[in-house]
Amino acid sequence: MKGKWTKIKALEPQILELRIAGKTRQEIADELGLTKQQIKDWINRYNRRQKTFPSVEKRKGRPRKRPMTEPEAMALRIRQLEREVELYRSFLQAAGRR
């Protein structure tokens, strides 16, 4: 009978060898005494670990039709900073510090 829980980390080298040899997931599971689902889940986790690369912040919304000019970018940043300052002022006023 196949086990339900196994320290699959110890079997990683064997699984990789069998995968390189071209064995199917079912064949690997039968050879190691595991279920096909355990092998499938491990392969998915392994592939996800291999794809780790630095994440890039995704921009929300529709892409710009033309690039933003430097003065426009500066004006946008100034407005953003002014909103933050106003938020801090309102917080300090609510806290009774100003």
PDB file of N, CA and C in Angstrom:
ATOM      1  N   MET A   1       0.852  -1.188   0.000  1.00  0.00           N
ATOM      2  CA  MET A   1       0.000   0.000   0.000  1.00  0.00           C
ATOM      3  C   MET A   1       0.889   1.240   0.000  1.00  0.00           C
ATOM      4  N   LYS A   2       0.508   2.233  -0.761  1.00  0.00           N
ATOM      5  CA  LYS A   2       1.286   3.455  -0.873  1.00  0.00           C
ATOM      6  C   LYS A   2       1.038   4.331   0.353  1.00  0.00           C
ATOM      7  N   GLY A   3       2.112   4.987   0.830  1.00  0.00           N
ATOM      8  CA  GLY A   3       2.000   5.844   1.999  1.00  0.00           C
ATOM      9  C   GLY A   3       1.336   7.168   1.663  1.00  0.00           C
ATOM     10  N   LYS A   4       0.710   7.784   2.664  1.00  0.00           N
ATOM     11  CA  LYS A   4       0.050   9.056   2.436  1.00  0.00           C
ATOM     12  C   LYS A   4       0.988  10.233   2.666  1.00  0.00           C
ATOM     13  N   TRP A   5       1.902  10.119   3.639  1.00  0.00           N
ATOM     14  CA  TRP A   5       2.808  11.221   3.921  1.00  0.00           C
ATOM     15  C   TRP A   5       4.230  10.694   3.924  1.00  0.00           C
ATOM     16  N   THR A   6       5.103  11.382   3.224  1.00  0.00           N
ATOM     17  CA  THR A   6       6.485  10.946   3.110  1.00  0.00           C
ATOM     18  C   THR A   6       7.382  12.163   3.123  1.00  0.00           C
ATOM     19  N   LYS A   7       8.575  12.021   3.676  1.00  0.00           N
ATOM     20  CA  LYS A   7       9.557  13.099   3.585  1.00  0.00           C
ATOM     21  C   LYS A   7      10.105  13.069   2.165  1.00  0.00           C
ATOM     22  N   ILE A   8       9.408  13.743   1.300  1.00  0.00           N
ATOM     23  CA  ILE A   8       9.729  13.692  -0.125  1.00  0.00           C
ATOM     24  C   ILE A   8      11.034  14.423  -0.420  1.00  0.00           C
ATOM     25  N   LYS A   9      11.448  15.298   0.510  1.00  0.00           N
ATOM     26  CA  LYS A   9      12.714  16.015   0.321  1.00  0.00           C
ATOM     27  C   LYS A   9      13.889  15.036   0.195  1.00  0.00           C
ATOM     28  N   ALA A  10      13.815  13.933   0.914  1.00  0.00           N
ATOM     29  CA  ALA A  10      14.897  12.945   0.860  1.00  0.00           C
ATOM     30  C   ALA A  10      14.907  12.186  -0.474  1.00  0.00           C
ATOM     31  N   LEU A  11      13.775  12.186  -1.156  1.00  0.00           N
ATOM     32  CA  LEU A  11      13.661  11.453  -2.422  1.00  0.00           C
ATOM     33  C   LEU A  11      13.911  12.335  -3.646  1.00  0.00           C
ATOM     34  N   GLU A  12      14.174  13.631  -3.423  1.00  0.00           N
ATOM     35  CA  GLU A  12      14.341  14.555  -4.550  1.00  0.00           C
ATOM     36  C   GLU A  12      15.380  14.100  -5.570  1.00  0.00           C
ATOM     37  N   PRO A  13      16.580  13.680  -5.149  1.00  0.00           N
ATOM     38  CA  PRO A  13      17.567  13.270  -6.169  1.00  0.00           C
ATOM     39  C   PRO A  13      17.070  12.107  -7.026  1.00  0.00           C
ATOM     40  N   GLN A  14      16.389  11.146  -6.402  1.00  0.00           N
ATOM     41  CA  GLN A  14      15.872  10.003  -7.163  1.00  0.00           C
ATOM     42  C   GLN A  14      14.789  10.441  -8.135  1.00  0.00           C
ATOM     43  N   ILE A  15      13.903  11.341  -7.680  1.00  0.00           N
ATOM     44  CA  ILE A  15      12.826  11.814  -8.556  1.00  0.00           C
ATOM     45  C   ILE A  15      13.417  12.535  -9.755  1.00  0.00           C
ATOM     46  N   LEU A  16      14.409  13.387  -9.496  1.00  0.00           N
ATOM     47  CA  LEU A  16      15.041  14.120 -10.604  1.00  0.00           C
ATOM     48  C   LEU A  16      15.711  13.172 -11.596  1.00  0.00           C
ATOM     49  N   GLU A  17      16.397  12.146 -11.086  1.00  0.00           N
ATOM     50  CA  GLU A  17      17.034  11.171 -11.979  1.00  0.00           C
ATOM     51  C   GLU A  17      15.994  10.475 -12.845  1.00  0.00           C
ATOM     52  N   LEU A  18      14.889  10.074 -12.233  1.00  0.00           N
ATOM     53  CA  LEU A  18      13.847   9.376 -12.984  1.00  0.00           C
ATOM     54  C   LEU A  18      13.194  10.298 -14.016  1.00  0.00           C
ATOM     55  N   ARG A  19      13.033  11.577 -13.650  1.00  0.00           N
ATOM     56  CA  ARG A  19      12.451  12.534 -14.601  1.00  0.00           C
ATOM     57  C   ARG A  19      13.381  12.719 -15.795  1.00  0.00           C
ATOM     58  N   ILE A  20      14.678  12.824 -15.519  1.00  0.00           N
ATOM     59  CA  ILE A  20      15.652  12.986 -16.600  1.00  0.00           C
ATOM     60  C   ILE A  20      15.673  11.739 -17.482  1.00  0.00           C
ATOM     61  N   ALA A  21      15.464  10.586 -16.865  1.00  0.00           N
ATOM     62  CA  ALA A  21      15.447   9.329 -17.613  1.00  0.00           C
ATOM     63  C   ALA A  21      14.191   9.193 -18.476  1.00  0.00           C
ATOM     64  N   GLY A  22      13.232  10.112 -18.305  1.00  0.00           N
ATOM     65  CA  GLY A  22      12.041  10.098 -19.145  1.00  0.00           C
ATOM     66  C   GLY A  22      10.882   9.295 -18.592  1.00  0.00           C
ATOM     67  N   LYS A  23      10.922   8.979 -17.315  1.00  0.00           N
ATOM     68  CA  LYS A  23       9.823   8.224 -16.708  1.00  0.00           C
ATOM     69  C   LYS A  23       8.613   9.135 -16.527  1.00  0.00           C
ATOM     70  N   THR A  24       7.427   8.531 -16.576  1.00  0.00           N
ATOM     71  CA  THR A  24       6.207   9.294 -16.342  1.00  0.00           C
ATOM     72  C   THR A  24       6.010   9.477 -14.843  1.00  0.00           C
ATOM     73  N   ARG A  25       5.089  10.333 -14.483  1.00  0.00           N
ATOM     74  CA  ARG A  25       4.810  10.568 -13.066  1.00  0.00           C
ATOM     75  C   ARG A  25       4.298   9.302 -12.393  1.00  0.00           C
ATOM     76  N   GLN A  26       3.474   8.556 -13.095  1.00  0.00           N
ATOM     77  CA  GLN A  26       2.935   7.320 -12.530  1.00  0.00           C
ATOM     78  C   GLN A  26       4.044   6.287 -12.324  1.00  0.00           C
ATOM     79  N   GLU A  27       4.945   6.186 -13.284  1.00  0.00           N
ATOM     80  CA  GLU A  27       6.056   5.246 -13.148  1.00  0.00           C
ATOM     81  C   GLU A  27       6.971   5.621 -11.981  1.00  0.00           C
ATOM     82  N   ILE A  28       7.211   6.918 -11.816  1.00  0.00           N
ATOM     83  CA  ILE A  28       8.028   7.376 -10.686  1.00  0.00           C
ATOM     84  C   ILE A  28       7.332   7.042  -9.375  1.00  0.00           C
ATOM     85  N   ALA A  29       6.038   7.312  -9.314  1.00  0.00           N
ATOM     86  CA  ALA A  29       5.273   7.041  -8.093  1.00  0.00           C
ATOM     87  C   ALA A  29       5.297   5.556  -7.755  1.00  0.00           C
ATOM     88  N   ASP A  30       5.111   4.712  -8.747  1.00  0.00           N
ATOM     89  CA  ASP A  30       5.116   3.266  -8.501  1.00  0.00           C
ATOM     90  C   ASP A  30       6.490   2.795  -8.023  1.00  0.00           C
ATOM     91  N   GLU A  31       7.536   3.335  -8.624  1.00  0.00           N
ATOM     92  CA  GLU A  31       8.886   2.905  -8.263  1.00  0.00           C
ATOM     93  C   GLU A  31       9.258   3.321  -6.839  1.00  0.00           C
ATOM     94  N   LEU A  32       8.797   4.499  -6.414  1.00  0.00           N
ATOM     95  CA  LEU A  32       9.161   5.006  -5.090  1.00  0.00           C
ATOM     96  C   LEU A  32       8.110   4.693  -4.025  1.00  0.00           C
ATOM     97  N   GLY A  33       7.005   4.084  -4.418  1.00  0.00           N
ATOM     98  CA  GLY A  33       5.957   3.739  -3.458  1.00  0.00           C
ATOM     99  C   GLY A  33       5.152   4.942  -2.999  1.00  0.00           C
ATOM    100  N   LEU A  34       4.973   5.905  -3.881  1.00  0.00           N
ATOM    101  CA  LEU A  34       4.182   7.094  -3.572  1.00  0.00           C
ATOM    102  C   LEU A  34       2.965   7.144  -4.478  1.00  0.00           C
ATOM    103  N   THR A  35       2.121   8.157  -4.249  1.00  0.00           N
ATOM    104  CA  THR A  35       0.982   8.329  -5.146  1.00  0.00           C
ATOM    105  C   THR A  35       1.392   9.251  -6.295  1.00  0.00           C
ATOM    106  N   LYS A  36       0.653   9.156  -7.373  1.00  0.00           N
ATOM    107  CA  LYS A  36       0.932  10.007  -8.525  1.00  0.00           C
ATOM    108  C   LYS A  36       0.735  11.475  -8.144  1.00  0.00           C
ATOM    109  N   GLN A  37      -0.268  11.757  -7.295  1.00  0.00           N
ATOM    110  CA  GLN A  37      -0.547  13.137  -6.886  1.00  0.00           C
ATOM    111  C   GLN A  37       0.619  13.728  -6.093  1.00  0.00           C
ATOM    112  N   GLN A  38       1.263  12.917  -5.252  1.00  0.00           N
ATOM    113  CA  GLN A  38       2.422  13.398  -4.498  1.00  0.00           C
ATOM    114  C   GLN A  38       3.547  13.805  -5.445  1.00  0.00           C
ATOM    115  N   ILE A  39       3.790  12.984  -6.460  1.00  0.00           N
ATOM    116  CA  ILE A  39       4.841  13.296  -7.434  1.00  0.00           C
ATOM    117  C   ILE A  39       4.467  14.542  -8.228  1.00  0.00           C
ATOM    118  N   LYS A  40       3.221  14.623  -8.637  1.00  0.00           N
ATOM    119  CA  LYS A  40       2.754  15.765  -9.415  1.00  0.00           C
ATOM    120  C   LYS A  40       2.910  17.060  -8.614  1.00  0.00           C
ATOM    121  N   ASP A  41       2.506  17.038  -7.349  1.00  0.00           N
ATOM    122  CA  ASP A  41       2.621  18.224  -6.499  1.00  0.00           C
ATOM    123  C   ASP A  41       4.087  18.609  -6.299  1.00  0.00           C
ATOM    124  N   TRP A  42       4.951  17.607  -6.081  1.00  0.00           N
ATOM    125  CA  TRP A  42       6.365  17.908  -5.885  1.00  0.00           C
ATOM    126  C   TRP A  42       6.968  18.543  -7.141  1.00  0.00           C
ATOM    127  N   ILE A  43       6.634  18.010  -8.301  1.00  0.00           N
ATOM    128  CA  ILE A  43       7.158  18.551  -9.560  1.00  0.00           C
ATOM    129  C   ILE A  43       6.697  19.994  -9.744  1.00  0.00           C
ATOM    130  N   ASN A  44       5.437  20.270  -9.428  1.00  0.00           N
ATOM    131  CA  ASN A  44       4.928  21.643  -9.539  1.00  0.00           C
ATOM    132  C   ASN A  44       5.677  22.581  -8.597  1.00  0.00           C
ATOM    133  N   ARG A  45       5.902  22.148  -7.347  1.00  0.00           N
ATOM    134  CA  ARG A  45       6.636  22.976  -6.394  1.00  0.00           C
ATOM    135  C   ARG A  45       8.072  23.189  -6.864  1.00  0.00           C
ATOM    136  N   TYR A  46       8.691  22.138  -7.360  1.00  0.00           N
ATOM    137  CA  TYR A  46      10.071  22.222  -7.844  1.00  0.00           C
ATOM    138  C   TYR A  46      10.165  23.220  -9.007  1.00  0.00           C
ATOM    139  N   ASN A  47       9.240  23.134  -9.946  1.00  0.00           N
ATOM    140  CA  ASN A  47       9.256  24.052 -11.092  1.00  0.00           C
ATOM    141  C   ASN A  47       9.041  25.495 -10.658  1.00  0.00           C
ATOM    142  N   ARG A  48       8.162  25.708  -9.673  1.00  0.00           N
ATOM    143  CA  ARG A  48       7.932  27.064  -9.164  1.00  0.00           C
ATOM    144  C   ARG A  48       9.190  27.619  -8.520  1.00  0.00           C
ATOM    145  N   ARG A  49       9.924  26.789  -7.772  1.00  0.00           N
ATOM    146  CA  ARG A  49      11.169  27.242  -7.134  1.00  0.00           C
ATOM    147  C   ARG A  49      12.203  27.612  -8.179  1.00  0.00           C
ATOM    148  N   GLN A  50      12.216  26.921  -9.312  1.00  0.00           N
ATOM    149  CA  GLN A  50      13.196  27.199 -10.355  1.00  0.00           C
ATOM    150  C   GLN A  50      12.920  28.529 -11.046  1.00  0.00           C
ATOM    151  N   LYS A  51      11.681  28.980 -11.027  1.00  0.00           N
ATOM    152  CA  LYS A  51      11.308  30.203 -11.735  1.00  0.00           C
ATOM    153  C   LYS A  51      11.485  31.461 -10.911  1.00  0.00           C
ATOM    154  N   THR A  52      11.991  31.348  -9.689  1.00  0.00           N
ATOM    155  CA  THR A  52      12.092  32.531  -8.842  1.00  0.00           C
ATOM    156  C   THR A  52      13.102  33.504  -9.422  1.00  0.00           C
ATOM    157  N   PHE A  53      12.623  34.697  -9.730  1.00  0.00           N
ATOM    158  CA  PHE A  53      13.461  35.784 -10.182  1.00  0.00           C
ATOM    159  C   PHE A  53      12.879  37.060  -9.597  1.00  0.00           C
ATOM    160  N   PRO A  54      13.639  38.133  -9.554  1.00  0.00           N
ATOM    161  CA  PRO A  54      13.169  39.344  -8.881  1.00  0.00           C
ATOM    162  C   PRO A  54      11.833  39.813  -9.438  1.00  0.00           C
ATOM    163  N   SER A  55      10.946  40.138  -8.528  1.00  0.00           N
ATOM    164  CA  SER A  55       9.631  40.591  -8.960  1.00  0.00           C
ATOM    165  C   SER A  55       9.701  42.067  -9.332  1.00  0.00           C
ATOM    166  N   VAL A  56       8.972  42.407 -10.357  1.00  0.00           N
ATOM    167  CA  VAL A  56       8.905  43.780 -10.830  1.00  0.00           C
ATOM    168  C   VAL A  56       7.512  44.282 -10.515  1.00  0.00           C
ATOM    169  N   GLU A  57       7.453  45.486  -9.972  1.00  0.00           N
ATOM    170  CA  GLU A  57       6.158  46.048  -9.618  1.00  0.00           C
ATOM    171  C   GLU A  57       5.302  46.193 -10.875  1.00  0.00           C
ATOM    172  N   LYS A  58       4.105  45.632 -10.836  1.00  0.00           N
ATOM    173  CA  LYS A  58       3.215  45.727 -11.987  1.00  0.00           C
ATOM    174  C   LYS A  58       2.422  47.023 -11.904  1.00  0.00           C
ATOM    175  N   ARG A  59       2.368  47.697 -13.000  1.00  0.00           N
ATOM    176  CA  ARG A  59       1.611  48.943 -13.045  1.00  0.00           C
ATOM    177  C   ARG A  59       0.144  48.639 -13.258  1.00  0.00           C
ATOM    178  N   LYS A  60      -0.691  49.432 -12.602  1.00  0.00           N
ATOM    179  CA  LYS A  60      -2.126  49.255 -12.747  1.00  0.00           C
ATOM    180  C   LYS A  60      -2.639  50.185 -13.837  1.00  0.00           C
ATOM    181  N   GLY A  61      -3.719  49.778 -14.445  1.00  0.00           N
ATOM    182  CA  GLY A  61      -4.359  50.642 -15.419  1.00  0.00           C
ATOM    183  C   GLY A  61      -3.837  50.471 -16.837  1.00  0.00           C
ATOM    184  N   ARG A  62      -4.335  51.340 -17.663  1.00  0.00           N
ATOM    185  CA  ARG A  62      -4.015  51.298 -19.083  1.00  0.00           C
ATOM    186  C   ARG A  62      -2.640  51.910 -19.340  1.00  0.00           C
ATOM    187  N   PRO A  63      -1.857  51.321 -20.232  1.00  0.00           N
ATOM    188  CA  PRO A  63      -0.540  51.897 -20.528  1.00  0.00           C
ATOM    189  C   PRO A  63      -0.660  53.247 -21.234  1.00  0.00           C
ATOM    190  N   ARG A  64       0.341  54.089 -21.036  1.00  0.00           N
ATOM    191  CA  ARG A  64       0.326  55.413 -21.657  1.00  0.00           C
ATOM    192  C   ARG A  64       0.514  55.299 -23.168  1.00  0.00           C
ATOM    193  N   LYS A  65      -0.141  56.208 -23.882  1.00  0.00           N
ATOM    194  CA  LYS A  65       0.004  56.227 -25.338  1.00  0.00           C
ATOM    195  C   LYS A  65       1.314  56.891 -25.741  1.00  0.00           C
ATOM    196  N   ARG A  66       1.761  57.831 -24.933  1.00  0.00           N
ATOM    197  CA  ARG A  66       3.036  58.492 -25.197  1.00  0.00           C
ATOM    198  C   ARG A  66       3.810  58.559 -23.886  1.00  0.00           C
ATOM    199  N   PRO A  67       5.115  58.550 -23.961  1.00  0.00           N
ATOM    200  CA  PRO A  67       5.893  58.594 -22.719  1.00  0.00           C
ATOM    201  C   PRO A  67       5.698  59.919 -21.989  1.00  0.00           C
ATOM    202  N   MET A  68       5.779  59.860 -20.656  1.00  0.00           N
ATOM    203  CA  MET A  68       5.620  61.056 -19.843  1.00  0.00           C
ATOM    204  C   MET A  68       6.898  61.882 -19.925  1.00  0.00           C
ATOM    205  N   THR A  69       6.724  63.190 -20.139  1.00  0.00           N
ATOM    206  CA  THR A  69       7.891  64.070 -20.190  1.00  0.00           C
ATOM    207  C   THR A  69       8.375  64.337 -18.771  1.00  0.00           C
ATOM    208  N   GLU A  70       9.587  64.831 -18.669  1.00  0.00           N
ATOM    209  CA  GLU A  70      10.159  65.084 -17.346  1.00  0.00           C
ATOM    210  C   GLU A  70       9.375  66.125 -16.555  1.00  0.00           C
ATOM    211  N   PRO A  71       8.965  67.247 -17.165  1.00  0.00           N
ATOM    212  CA  PRO A  71       8.160  68.216 -16.391  1.00  0.00           C
ATOM    213  C   PRO A  71       6.818  67.612 -15.916  1.00  0.00           C
ATOM    214  N   GLU A  72       6.191  66.799 -16.758  1.00  0.00           N
ATOM    215  CA  GLU A  72       4.938  66.156 -16.347  1.00  0.00           C
ATOM    216  C   GLU A  72       5.177  65.214 -15.175  1.00  0.00           C
ATOM    217  N   ALA A  73       6.262  64.428 -15.246  1.00  0.00           N
ATOM    218  CA  ALA A  73       6.584  63.496 -14.170  1.00  0.00           C
ATOM    219  C   ALA A  73       6.867  64.256 -12.878  1.00  0.00           C
ATOM    220  N   MET A  74       7.570  65.391 -12.986  1.00  0.00           N
ATOM    221  CA  MET A  74       7.883  66.178 -11.804  1.00  0.00           C
ATOM    222  C   MET A  74       6.610  66.765 -11.198  1.00  0.00           C
ATOM    223  N   ALA A  75       5.719  67.265 -12.041  1.00  0.00           N
ATOM    224  CA  ALA A  75       4.457  67.824 -11.544  1.00  0.00           C
ATOM    225  C   ALA A  75       3.618  66.746 -10.865  1.00  0.00           C
ATOM    226  N   LEU A  76       3.594  65.565 -11.443  1.00  0.00           N
ATOM    227  CA  LEU A  76       2.852  64.456 -10.847  1.00  0.00           C
ATOM    228  C   LEU A  76       3.432  64.079  -9.489  1.00  0.00           C
ATOM    229  N   ARG A  77       4.755  64.042  -9.391  1.00  0.00           N
ATOM    230  CA  ARG A  77       5.418  63.696  -8.125  1.00  0.00           C
ATOM    231  C   ARG A  77       5.164  64.767  -7.067  1.00  0.00           C
ATOM    232  N   ILE A  78       5.165  66.045  -7.475  1.00  0.00           N
ATOM    233  CA  ILE A  78       4.891  67.143  -6.542  1.00  0.00           C
ATOM    234  C   ILE A  78       3.479  67.022  -5.994  1.00  0.00           C
ATOM    235  N   ARG A  79       2.511  66.731  -6.857  1.00  0.00           N
ATOM    236  CA  ARG A  79       1.124  66.566  -6.390  1.00  0.00           C
ATOM    237  C   ARG A  79       1.021  65.404  -5.412  1.00  0.00           C
ATOM    238  N   GLN A  80       1.724  64.316  -5.706  1.00  0.00           N
ATOM    239  CA  GLN A  80       1.700  63.158  -4.812  1.00  0.00           C
ATOM    240  C   GLN A  80       2.285  63.521  -3.445  1.00  0.00           C
ATOM    241  N   LEU A  81       3.393  64.237  -3.426  1.00  0.00           N
ATOM    242  CA  LEU A  81       4.014  64.647  -2.166  1.00  0.00           C
ATOM    243  C   LEU A  81       3.126  65.617  -1.401  1.00  0.00           C
ATOM    244  N   GLU A  82       2.460  66.519  -2.107  1.00  0.00           N
ATOM    245  CA  GLU A  82       1.540  67.453  -1.443  1.00  0.00           C
ATOM    246  C   GLU A  82       0.390  66.704  -0.779  1.00  0.00           C
ATOM    247  N   ARG A  83      -0.119  65.665  -1.440  1.00  0.00           N
ATOM    248  CA  ARG A  83      -1.192  64.852  -0.830  1.00  0.00           C
ATOM    249  C   ARG A  83      -0.686  64.161   0.422  1.00  0.00           C
ATOM    250  N   GLU A  84       0.545  63.637   0.370  1.00  0.00           N
ATOM    251  CA  GLU A  84       1.109  62.975   1.547  1.00  0.00           C
ATOM    252  C   GLU A  84       1.288  63.951   2.700  1.00  0.00           C
ATOM    253  N   VAL A  85       1.792  65.162   2.417  1.00  0.00           N
ATOM    254  CA  VAL A  85       1.980  66.169   3.454  1.00  0.00           C
ATOM    255  C   VAL A  85       0.638  66.525   4.080  1.00  0.00           C
ATOM    256  N   GLU A  86      -0.376  66.692   3.259  1.00  0.00           N
ATOM    257  CA  GLU A  86      -1.713  67.012   3.768  1.00  0.00           C
ATOM    258  C   GLU A  86      -2.244  65.884   4.642  1.00  0.00           C
ATOM    259  N   LEU A  87      -1.988  64.670   4.260  1.00  0.00           N
ATOM    260  CA  LEU A  87      -2.414  63.519   5.062  1.00  0.00           C
ATOM    261  C   LEU A  87      -1.699  63.515   6.409  1.00  0.00           C
ATOM    262  N   TYR A  88      -0.394  63.773   6.424  1.00  0.00           N
ATOM    263  CA  TYR A  88       0.357  63.828   7.680  1.00  0.00           C
ATOM    264  C   TYR A  88      -0.144  64.964   8.567  1.00  0.00           C
ATOM    265  N   ARG A  89      -0.425  66.119   7.970  1.00  0.00           N
ATOM    266  CA  ARG A  89      -0.937  67.252   8.749  1.00  0.00           C
ATOM    267  C   ARG A  89      -2.276  66.923   9.391  1.00  0.00           C
ATOM    268  N   SER A  90      -3.152  66.296   8.622  1.00  0.00           N
ATOM    269  CA  SER A  90      -4.460  65.953   9.185  1.00  0.00           C
ATOM    270  C   SER A  90      -4.321  64.914  10.290  1.00  0.00           C
ATOM    271  N   PHE A  91      -3.375  64.002  10.137  1.00  0.00           N
ATOM    272  CA  PHE A  91      -3.144  63.004  11.188  1.00  0.00           C
ATOM    273  C   PHE A  91      -2.641  63.665  12.462  1.00  0.00           C
ATOM    274  N   LEU A  92      -1.652  64.571  12.313  1.00  0.00           N
ATOM    275  CA  LEU A  92      -1.118  65.260  13.479  1.00  0.00           C
ATOM    276  C   LEU A  92      -2.174  66.126  14.153  1.00  0.00           C
ATOM    277  N   GLN A  93      -3.026  66.754  13.362  1.00  0.00           N
ATOM    278  CA  GLN A  93      -4.101  67.577  13.928  1.00  0.00           C
ATOM    279  C   GLN A  93      -5.084  66.695  14.692  1.00  0.00           C
ATOM    280  N   ALA A  94      -5.415  65.537  14.133  1.00  0.00           N
ATOM    281  CA  ALA A  94      -6.333  64.618  14.803  1.00  0.00           C
ATOM    282  C   ALA A  94      -5.721  64.052  16.085  1.00  0.00           C
ATOM    283  N   ALA A  95      -4.400  63.890  16.079  1.00  0.00           N
ATOM    284  CA  ALA A  95      -3.712  63.373  17.261  1.00  0.00           C
ATOM    285  C   ALA A  95      -3.480  64.460  18.298  1.00  0.00           C
ATOM    286  N   GLY A  96      -3.773  65.705  17.965  1.00  0.00           N
ATOM    287  CA  GLY A  96      -3.613  66.805  18.911  1.00  0.00           C
ATOM    288  C   GLY A  96      -2.204  67.277  19.051  1.00  0.00           C
ATOM    289  N   ARG A  97      -1.388  67.081  18.079  1.00  0.00           N
ATOM    290  CA  ARG A  97       0.012  67.486  18.145  1.00  0.00           C
ATOM    291  C   ARG A  97       0.244  68.834  17.465  1.00  0.00           C
ATOM    292  N   ARG A  98      -0.733  69.332  16.792  1.00  0.00           N
ATOM    293  CA  ARG A  98      -0.516  70.590  16.090  1.00  0.00           C
ATOM    294  C   ARG A  98      -1.701  71.480  16.203  1.00  0.00           C
TER     295      ARG A  98
END
